[in-house]
C-alpha atoms as a PDB file:
ATOM      1  CA  UNK A   1     104.403 103.521 105.777  1.00  0.00           C
ATOM      2  CA  UNK A   2     105.217  99.936 104.878  1.00  0.00           C
ATOM      3  CA  UNK A   3     102.519  97.739 103.415  1.00  0.00           C
ATOM      4  CA  UNK A   4     102.377  95.334 106.351  1.00  0.00           C
ATOM      5  CA  UNK A   5      98.637  94.828 105.954  1.00  0.00           C
ATOM      6  CA  UNK A   6      99.456  92.342 103.201  1.00  0.00           C
ATOM      7  CA  UNK A   7     100.662  89.984 105.915  1.00  0.00           C
ATOM      8  CA  UNK A   8      97.719  90.647 108.206  1.00  0.00           C
ATOM      9  CA  UNK A   9      94.941  90.552 105.595  1.00  0.00           C
ATOM     10  CA  UNK A  10      94.203  86.784 105.751  1.00  0.00           C
ATOM     11  CA  UNK A  11      93.406  86.950 109.485  1.00  0.00           C
ATOM     12  CA  UNK A  12      92.304  90.591 109.791  1.00  0.00           C
ATOM     13  CA  UNK A  13      88.563  89.881 109.939  1.00  0.00           C
ATOM     14  CA  UNK A  14      89.020  87.017 112.382  1.00  0.00           C
ATOM     15  CA  UNK A  15      91.072  89.150 114.750  1.00  0.00           C
ATOM     16  CA  UNK A  16      88.573  92.008 114.578  1.00  0.00           C
ATOM     17  CA  UNK A  17      85.664  89.676 115.300  1.00  0.00           C
ATOM     18  CA  UNK A  18      87.499  88.002 118.209  1.00  0.00           C
ATOM     19  CA  UNK A  19      88.300  91.303 119.912  1.00  0.00           C
ATOM     20  CA  UNK A  20      85.270  93.447 119.041  1.00  0.00           C
ATOM     21  CA  UNK A  21      82.536  91.031 118.003  1.00  0.00           C
ATOM     22  CA  UNK A  22      80.108  92.628 115.544  1.00  0.00           C
ATOM     23  CA  UNK A  23      80.863  96.179 116.685  1.00  0.00           C
ATOM     24  CA  UNK A  24      83.251  96.838 113.793  1.00  0.00           C
ATOM     25  CA  UNK A  25      80.626  95.914 111.183  1.00  0.00           C
ATOM     26  CA  UNK A  26      77.703  97.672 112.855  1.00  0.00           C
ATOM     27  CA  UNK A  27      79.594 100.892 113.524  1.00  0.00           C
ATOM     28  CA  UNK A  28      80.781 101.276 109.927  1.00  0.00           C
ATOM     29  CA  UNK A  29      77.217 100.952 108.628  1.00  0.00           C
ATOM     30  CA  UNK A  30      75.480 103.094 111.236  1.00  0.00           C
ATOM     31  CA  UNK A  31      74.984 106.237 109.114  1.00  0.00           C
ATOM     32  CA  UNK A  32      74.601 104.640 105.681  1.00  0.00           C
ATOM     33  CA  UNK A  33      70.893 105.411 105.707  1.00  0.00           C
ATOM     34  CA  UNK A  34      71.397 109.093 106.498  1.00  0.00           C
ATOM     35  CA  UNK A  35      72.752 109.924 103.043  1.00  0.00           C
ATOM     36  CA  UNK A  36      70.049 109.731 100.353  1.00  0.00           C
ATOM     37  CA  UNK A  37      70.260 109.380  96.566  1.00  0.00           C
ATOM     38  CA  UNK A  38      74.001 108.809  96.719  1.00  0.00           C
ATOM     39  CA  UNK A  39      75.562 108.183  93.299  1.00  0.00           C
ATOM     40  CA  UNK A  40      79.281 108.544  94.038  1.00  0.00           C
ATOM     41  CA  UNK A  41      81.122 107.421  97.158  1.00  0.00           C
ATOM     42  CA  UNK A  42      84.816 107.389  97.970  1.00  0.00           C
ATOM     43  CA  UNK A  43      86.278 104.916 100.454  1.00  0.00           C
ATOM     44  CA  UNK A  44      89.780 105.524 101.785  1.00  0.00           C
ATOM     45  CA  UNK A  45      91.476 102.488 103.296  1.00  0.00           C
ATOM     46  CA  UNK A  46      88.512 100.189 102.897  1.00  0.00           C
ATOM     47  CA  UNK A  47      90.249  97.078 104.213  1.00  0.00           C
ATOM     48  CA  UNK A  48      88.433  93.846 103.381  1.00  0.00           C
ATOM     49  CA  UNK A  49      85.167  95.520 102.402  1.00  0.00           C
ATOM     50  CA  UNK A  50      83.029  93.991 105.120  1.00  0.00           C
ATOM     51  CA  UNK A  51      80.464  96.765 104.677  1.00  0.00           C
ATOM     52  CA  UNK A  52      79.779  96.157 100.969  1.00  0.00           C
ATOM     53  CA  UNK A  53      76.571  94.172 101.384  1.00  0.00           C
ATOM     54  CA  UNK A  54      74.907  96.686 103.690  1.00  0.00           C
ATOM     55  CA  UNK A  55      76.124  99.686 101.706  1.00  0.00           C
ATOM     56  CA  UNK A  56      74.676  98.440  98.429  1.00  0.00           C
ATOM     57  CA  UNK A  57      71.496  97.284 100.118  1.00  0.00           C
ATOM     58  CA  UNK A  58      70.872 100.926 101.003  1.00  0.00           C
ATOM     59  CA  UNK A  59      72.493 102.507  97.923  1.00  0.00           C
ATOM     60  CA  UNK A  60      72.019 100.035  95.049  1.00  0.00           C
ATOM     61  CA  UNK A  61      72.578 102.636  92.304  1.00  0.00           C
ATOM     62  CA  UNK A  62      75.794 104.077  93.702  1.00  0.00           C
ATOM     63  CA  UNK A  63      79.336 103.705  92.424  1.00  0.00           C
ATOM     64  CA  UNK A  64      81.966 103.045  95.068  1.00  0.00           C
ATOM     65  CA  UNK A  65      85.570 104.134  94.471  1.00  0.00           C
ATOM     66  CA  UNK A  66      87.601 101.945  96.808  1.00  0.00           C
ATOM     67  CA  UNK A  67      91.156 103.125  97.486  1.00  0.00           C
ATOM     68  CA  UNK A  68      93.326 100.670  99.411  1.00  0.00           C
ATOM     69  CA  UNK A  69      97.102 100.407  99.555  1.00  0.00           C
ATOM     70  CA  UNK A  70      97.337  96.681 100.266  1.00  0.00           C
ATOM     71  CA  UNK A  71      96.780  94.404  97.237  1.00  0.00           C
ATOM     72  CA  UNK A  72      95.998  91.507  99.574  1.00  0.00           C
ATOM     73  CA  UNK A  73      93.289  93.545 101.258  1.00  0.00           C
ATOM     74  CA  UNK A  74      91.882  94.426  97.842  1.00  0.00           C
ATOM     75  CA  UNK A  75      91.807  90.748  96.894  1.00  0.00           C
ATOM     76  CA  UNK A  76      89.838  90.005 100.071  1.00  0.00           C
ATOM     77  CA  UNK A  77      87.465  92.865  99.311  1.00  0.00           C
ATOM     78  CA  UNK A  78      86.940  91.668  95.725  1.00  0.00           C
ATOM     79  CA  UNK A  79      85.905  88.277  97.077  1.00  0.00           C
ATOM     80  CA  UNK A  80      82.964  89.975  98.809  1.00  0.00           C
ATOM     81  CA  UNK A  81      81.551  91.564  95.669  1.00  0.00           C
ATOM     82  CA  UNK A  82      78.560  90.492  93.619  1.00  0.00           C
ATOM     83  CA  UNK A  83      77.854  91.366  89.959  1.00  0.00           C
ATOM     84  CA  UNK A  84      75.380  94.092  90.893  1.00  0.00           C
ATOM     85  CA  UNK A  85      77.931  96.043  92.976  1.00  0.00           C
ATOM     86  CA  UNK A  86      79.494  98.937  91.062  1.00  0.00           C
ATOM     87  CA  UNK A  87      82.930  99.152  92.659  1.00  0.00           C
ATOM     88  CA  UNK A  88      86.067 100.664  91.138  1.00  0.00           C
ATOM     89  CA  UNK A  89      89.099  99.288  92.993  1.00  0.00           C
ATOM     90  CA  UNK A  90      92.213 101.443  93.183  1.00  0.00           C
ATOM     91  CA  UNK A  91      95.434 100.025  94.607  1.00  0.00           C
ATOM     92  CA  UNK A  92      97.089 103.176  95.897  1.00  0.00           C
ATOM     93  CA  UNK A  93      98.251 105.063  98.952  1.00  0.00           C
ATOM     94  CA  UNK A  94      95.596 107.711  99.552  1.00  0.00           C
ATOM     95  CA  UNK A  95      98.104 109.998 101.270  1.00  0.00           C
ATOM     96  CA  UNK A  96     100.161 110.332  98.072  1.00  0.00           C
ATOM     97  CA  UNK A  97      97.441 109.857  95.445  1.00  0.00           C
ATOM     98  CA  UNK A  98      96.166 112.962  93.643  1.00  0.00           C
ATOM     99  CA  UNK A  99      92.442 112.264  93.653  1.00  0.00           C
ATOM    100  CA  UNK A 100      90.184 114.230  91.308  1.00  0.00           C
ATOM    101  CA  UNK A 101      86.461 114.594  90.901  1.00  0.00           C
ATOM    102  CA  UNK A 102      83.826 115.219  93.528  1.00  0.00           C
ATOM    103  CA  UNK A 103      81.988 112.762  95.760  1.00  0.00           C
ATOM    104  CA  UNK A 104      78.648 112.923  97.524  1.00  0.00           C
ATOM    105  CA  UNK A 105      79.776 110.624 100.322  1.00  0.00           C
ATOM    106  CA  UNK A 106      83.207 109.790 101.746  1.00  0.00           C
ATOM    107  CA  UNK A 107      83.832 106.830 104.051  1.00  0.00           C
ATOM    108  CA  UNK A 108      86.848 106.591 106.350  1.00  0.00           C
ATOM    109  CA  UNK A 109      86.465 103.239 108.126  1.00  0.00           C
ATOM    110  CA  UNK A 110      89.234 102.817 110.724  1.00  0.00           C
ATOM    111  CA  UNK A 111      91.600 104.733 108.460  1.00  0.00           C
ATOM    112  CA  UNK A 112      92.700 107.871 110.280  1.00  0.00           C
ATOM    113  CA  UNK A 113      93.986 105.990 113.322  1.00  0.00           C
ATOM    114  CA  UNK A 114      97.025 104.826 111.347  1.00  0.00           C
ATOM    115  CA  UNK A 115      98.404 108.335 110.886  1.00  0.00           C
ATOM    116  CA  UNK A 116     100.096 111.090 112.835  1.00  0.00           C
ATOM    117  CA  UNK A 117      98.377 114.423 113.439  1.00  0.00           C
ATOM    118  CA  UNK A 118     100.474 115.962 110.659  1.00  0.00           C
ATOM    119  CA  UNK A 119      99.442 113.323 108.130  1.00  0.00           C
ATOM    120  CA  UNK A 120      95.790 113.586 109.158  1.00  0.00           C
ATOM    121  CA  UNK A 121      95.936 117.340 108.536  1.00  0.00           C
ATOM    122  CA  UNK A 122      97.110 116.659 104.977  1.00  0.00           C
ATOM    123  CA  UNK A 123      94.469 113.953 104.453  1.00  0.00           C
ATOM    124  CA  UNK A 124      91.701 116.295 105.592  1.00  0.00           C
ATOM    125  CA  UNK A 125      92.852 118.999 103.194  1.00  0.00           C
ATOM    126  CA  UNK A 126      92.846 116.499 100.319  1.00  0.00           C
ATOM    127  CA  UNK A 127      89.350 115.316 101.207  1.00  0.00           C
ATOM    128  CA  UNK A 128      88.095 118.880 101.389  1.00  0.00           C
ATOM    129  CA  UNK A 129      89.392 119.562  97.885  1.00  0.00           C
ATOM    130  CA  UNK A 130      87.391 116.687  96.386  1.00  0.00           C
ATOM    131  CA  UNK A 131      84.216 117.477  98.310  1.00  0.00           C
ATOM    132  CA  UNK A 132      81.307 119.666  97.327  1.00  0.00           C
ATOM    133  CA  UNK A 133      79.419 121.831  99.845  1.00  0.00           C
ATOM    134  CA  UNK A 134      76.843 119.028 100.142  1.00  0.00           C
ATOM    135  CA  UNK A 135      79.283 116.148 100.613  1.00  0.00           C
ATOM    136  CA  UNK A 136      78.755 114.006 103.696  1.00  0.00           C
ATOM    137  CA  UNK A 137      81.620 112.238 105.392  1.00  0.00           C
ATOM    138  CA  UNK A 138      81.493 109.246 107.732  1.00  0.00           C
ATOM    139  CA  UNK A 139      84.440 108.627 110.050  1.00  0.00           C
ATOM    140  CA  UNK A 140      84.439 105.395 112.050  1.00  0.00           C
ATOM    141  CA  UNK A 141      87.323 104.832 114.414  1.00  0.00           C
ATOM    142  CA  UNK A 142      88.489 104.095 117.913  1.00  0.00           C
ATOM    143  CA  UNK A 143      87.827 106.585 120.693  1.00  0.00           C
ATOM    144  CA  UNK A 144      90.410 107.964 123.108  1.00  0.00           C
ATOM    145  CA  UNK A 145      89.914 106.412 126.539  1.00  0.00           C
ATOM    146  CA  UNK A 146      90.653 107.638 130.048  1.00  0.00           C
ATOM    147  CA  UNK A 147      94.193 106.723 131.012  1.00  0.00           C
ATOM    148  CA  UNK A 148      94.704 103.880 133.428  1.00  0.00           C
ATOM    149  CA  UNK A 149      91.688 101.817 132.434  1.00  0.00           C
ATOM    150  CA  UNK A 150      91.479  98.488 130.625  1.00  0.00           C
ATOM    151  CA  UNK A 151      90.109 100.084 127.458  1.00  0.00           C
ATOM    152  CA  UNK A 152      93.017 102.509 127.315  1.00  0.00           C
ATOM    153  CA  UNK A 153      95.409  99.584 127.768  1.00  0.00           C
ATOM    154  CA  UNK A 154      93.733  97.685 124.936  1.00  0.00           C
ATOM    155  CA  UNK A 155      94.160 100.619 122.566  1.00  0.00           C
ATOM    156  CA  UNK A 156      97.831 100.952 123.531  1.00  0.00           C
ATOM    157  CA  UNK A 157      98.303  97.233 122.889  1.00  0.00           C
ATOM    158  CA  UNK A 158      96.624  97.562 119.495  1.00  0.00           C
ATOM    159  CA  UNK A 159      99.009 100.328 118.512  1.00  0.00           C
ATOM    160  CA  UNK A 160     101.986  98.250 119.570  1.00  0.00           C
ATOM    161  CA  UNK A 161     100.640  95.295 117.579  1.00  0.00           C
ATOM    162  CA  UNK A 162      99.976  97.280 114.406  1.00  0.00           C
ATOM    163  CA  UNK A 163     103.286  99.111 114.595  1.00  0.00           C
ATOM    164  CA  UNK A 164     105.104  95.774 114.845  1.00  0.00           C
ATOM    165  CA  UNK A 165     103.076  93.932 112.185  1.00  0.00           C
ATOM    166  CA  UNK A 166     102.102  96.713 109.762  1.00  0.00           C
ATOM    167  CA  UNK A 167     104.565  99.511 110.519  1.00  0.00           C
ATOM    168  CA  UNK A 168     101.879 102.183 110.842  1.00  0.00           C
ATOM    169  CA  UNK A 169     103.239 105.631 111.615  1.00  0.00           C
ATOM    170  CA  UNK A 170     100.937 106.544 114.514  1.00  0.00           C
ATOM    171  CA  UNK A 171     101.753 105.938 118.169  1.00  0.00           C
ATOM    172  CA  UNK A 172      98.359 107.071 119.424  1.00  0.00           C
ATOM    173  CA  UNK A 173      94.957 108.146 118.178  1.00  0.00           C
ATOM    174  CA  UNK A 174      95.243 111.381 116.180  1.00  0.00           C
ATOM    175  CA  UNK A 175      93.166 114.474 116.912  1.00  0.00           C
ATOM    176  CA  UNK A 176      91.254 114.175 113.651  1.00  0.00           C
ATOM    177  CA  UNK A 177      88.197 116.086 114.898  1.00  0.00           C
ATOM    178  CA  UNK A 178      90.295 119.223 115.300  1.00  0.00           C
ATOM    179  CA  UNK A 179      91.778 118.847 111.823  1.00  0.00           C
ATOM    180  CA  UNK A 180      88.329 118.590 110.236  1.00  0.00           C
ATOM    181  CA  UNK A 181      87.059 121.565 112.232  1.00  0.00           C
ATOM    182  CA  UNK A 182      89.934 123.697 110.941  1.00  0.00           C
ATOM    183  CA  UNK A 183      88.880 122.814 107.377  1.00  0.00           C
ATOM    184  CA  UNK A 184      85.257 123.761 107.958  1.00  0.00           C
ATOM    185  CA  UNK A 185      83.739 120.358 108.785  1.00  0.00           C
ATOM    186  CA  UNK A 186      81.289 119.868 111.648  1.00  0.00           C
ATOM    187  CA  UNK A 187      80.172 116.670 113.362  1.00  0.00           C
ATOM    188  CA  UNK A 188      76.408 116.518 112.827  1.00  0.00           C
ATOM    189  CA  UNK A 189      75.667 113.176 114.471  1.00  0.00           C
ATOM    190  CA  UNK A 190      77.613 110.507 116.314  1.00  0.00           C
ATOM    191  CA  UNK A 191      77.143 107.103 117.918  1.00  0.00           C
ATOM    192  CA  UNK A 192      79.315 104.784 119.959  1.00  0.00           C
ATOM    193  CA  UNK A 193      79.781 101.029 120.034  1.00  0.00           C
ATOM    194  CA  UNK A 194      81.665  98.480 122.115  1.00  0.00           C
ATOM    195  CA  UNK A 195      81.091 100.336 125.401  1.00  0.00           C
ATOM    196  CA  UNK A 196      82.430 103.577 123.980  1.00  0.00           C
ATOM    197  CA  UNK A 197      85.602 102.178 122.428  1.00  0.00           C
ATOM    198  CA  UNK A 198      84.387 102.746 118.860  1.00  0.00           C
ATOM    199  CA  UNK A 199      82.771 105.893 117.532  1.00  0.00           C
ATOM    200  CA  UNK A 200      81.123 106.684 114.233  1.00  0.00           C
ATOM    201  CA  UNK A 201      80.586 110.267 113.130  1.00  0.00           C
ATOM    202  CA  UNK A 202      78.640 112.003 110.370  1.00  0.00           C
ATOM    203  CA  UNK A 203      80.332 115.198 109.202  1.00  0.00           C
ATOM    204  CA  UNK A 204      79.240 117.966 106.838  1.00  0.00           C
ATOM    205  CA  UNK A 205      80.707 121.269 105.669  1.00  0.00           C
ATOM    206  CA  UNK A 206      79.596 124.380 107.523  1.00  0.00           C
END
């Protein structure tokens, strides 16, 4: 997948705010308070790091490992940091990176929607390998809509836009819930934003 997000990074936040208002920010942070005493968190595809302030407000003693393929996105995310934020930035493609260690919390903010079902299956297996039985996982992403409606049309337009500008591999939203279920993950809690267009989900191992 080409690194087209370098081109989009300077206007990414503006576009998100214009289309979805504050829903993107609120949805990503919804379950931050559910995990307690978190010391190690992995973020895959963290974008511009808009959630940093709220995350560290709730988990001030945590270290965040932030894996993002786009160096321009990482530069934007770095600009949001303060000296008291313990963040280790990694410029890498999570789908090809051999991650080691174990994390108490994993964040996937609008990450899985870029990939095909086959790639998501591989991503889920990788995440399972670096998770302990007590690891919590937060997936925030767009929700499949009934065909024929305006919300379904908007999602189709977004895919066309991101395929043209960023060369993502997906044509549609992947069935990530099924992939996690096959690897032993269950959705414990969920919430929706933006009239059901955005969902955030708290997952744990069964």
